[in-house]
């Protein structure tokens, strides 16, 4: 009986309908923060998306995350300078 239960759970987890299940389990209880600003930068052939936010533990800092078709990166800077 135990082997059948384990096999059922494995099959259930491998189905495409549960592709995001592992992410939901591992991030359960983690607070989701909405960016303060998000926008696209028009560049030929790159589809660059930018997200800006202020870190919860440092309100004097502004961070940006830029993600493109090929690369992405994060930069933070002080807003008091």
Protein backbone atom coordinates (compact mmCIF):
# COMPACT_ATOMS: atom_id res chain seq x y z
CA UNK A 1 0.00 0.00 0.00
CA UNK A 2 2.83 2.41 0.87
CA UNK A 3 4.53 1.85 -2.51
CA UNK A 4 1.28 2.63 -4.32
CA UNK A 5 0.93 5.87 -2.38
CA UNK A 6 4.50 6.92 -3.16
CA UNK A 7 4.03 6.02 -6.84
CA UNK A 8 0.80 8.03 -6.96
CA UNK A 9 2.49 11.09 -5.43
CA UNK A 10 5.43 10.84 -7.87
CA UNK A 11 3.11 10.53 -10.87
CA UNK A 12 1.00 13.41 -9.60
CA UNK A 13 4.04 15.66 -9.19
CA UNK A 14 5.36 14.80 -12.66
CA UNK A 15 2.22 15.85 -14.51
CA UNK A 16 2.48 19.12 -16.50
CA UNK A 17 -0.52 20.58 -14.66
CA UNK A 18 1.62 20.76 -11.51
CA UNK A 19 4.67 22.36 -13.11
CA UNK A 20 4.59 25.28 -10.65
CA UNK A 21 3.84 23.13 -7.60
CA UNK A 22 7.48 22.91 -6.46
CA UNK A 23 7.84 26.69 -6.65
CA UNK A 24 4.67 27.17 -4.61
CA UNK A 25 5.82 24.67 -1.97
CA UNK A 26 9.32 26.15 -1.63
CA UNK A 27 8.06 29.75 -1.44
CA UNK A 28 5.12 29.09 0.87
CA UNK A 29 4.86 31.89 3.43
CA UNK A 30 7.25 34.21 1.56
CA UNK A 31 5.91 37.74 1.20
CA UNK A 32 5.39 38.95 -2.37
CA UNK A 33 6.32 42.57 -3.00
CA UNK A 34 4.93 44.55 -5.92
CA UNK A 35 7.50 46.73 -7.71
CA UNK A 36 7.03 50.47 -7.30
CA UNK A 37 7.52 50.88 -11.04
CA UNK A 38 7.79 48.58 -14.05
CA UNK A 39 8.26 49.40 -17.70
CA UNK A 40 9.68 48.29 -21.04
CA UNK A 41 12.66 49.88 -22.74
CA UNK A 42 12.29 49.96 -26.49
CA UNK A 43 15.44 48.54 -28.02
CA UNK A 44 15.82 46.78 -31.36
CA UNK A 45 15.60 43.02 -30.87
CA UNK A 46 15.93 42.97 -27.09
CA UNK A 47 12.56 43.24 -25.22
CA UNK A 48 14.03 44.78 -22.04
CA UNK A 49 11.80 44.84 -18.96
CA UNK A 50 12.72 46.95 -15.91
CA UNK A 51 11.38 46.64 -12.36
CA UNK A 52 12.16 49.19 -9.63
CA UNK A 53 11.65 48.83 -5.89
CA UNK A 54 12.80 50.09 -2.50
CA UNK A 55 14.21 47.31 -0.29
CA UNK A 56 12.18 46.78 2.89
CA UNK A 57 15.26 46.84 5.12
CA UNK A 58 16.81 49.95 3.51
CA UNK A 59 14.33 52.71 2.57
CA UNK A 60 17.19 54.99 1.47
CA UNK A 61 18.05 52.70 -1.43
CA UNK A 62 16.45 52.18 -4.82
CA UNK A 63 16.99 48.95 -6.78
CA UNK A 64 16.39 48.13 -10.43
CA UNK A 65 16.16 44.75 -12.10
CA UNK A 66 16.47 44.71 -15.88
CA UNK A 67 15.75 41.54 -17.81
CA UNK A 68 16.18 41.12 -21.54
CA UNK A 69 16.04 38.31 -24.05
CA UNK A 70 19.70 37.49 -23.49
CA UNK A 71 20.78 38.88 -20.11
CA UNK A 72 19.57 40.51 -16.91
CA UNK A 73 20.95 42.19 -13.84
CA UNK A 74 20.29 44.10 -10.62
CA UNK A 75 21.66 47.48 -9.57
CA UNK A 76 20.99 49.41 -6.36
CA UNK A 77 21.88 52.98 -5.48
CA UNK A 78 21.38 55.43 -2.61
CA UNK A 79 18.54 57.90 -3.11
CA UNK A 80 20.04 60.39 -0.64
CA UNK A 81 23.08 61.28 -2.78
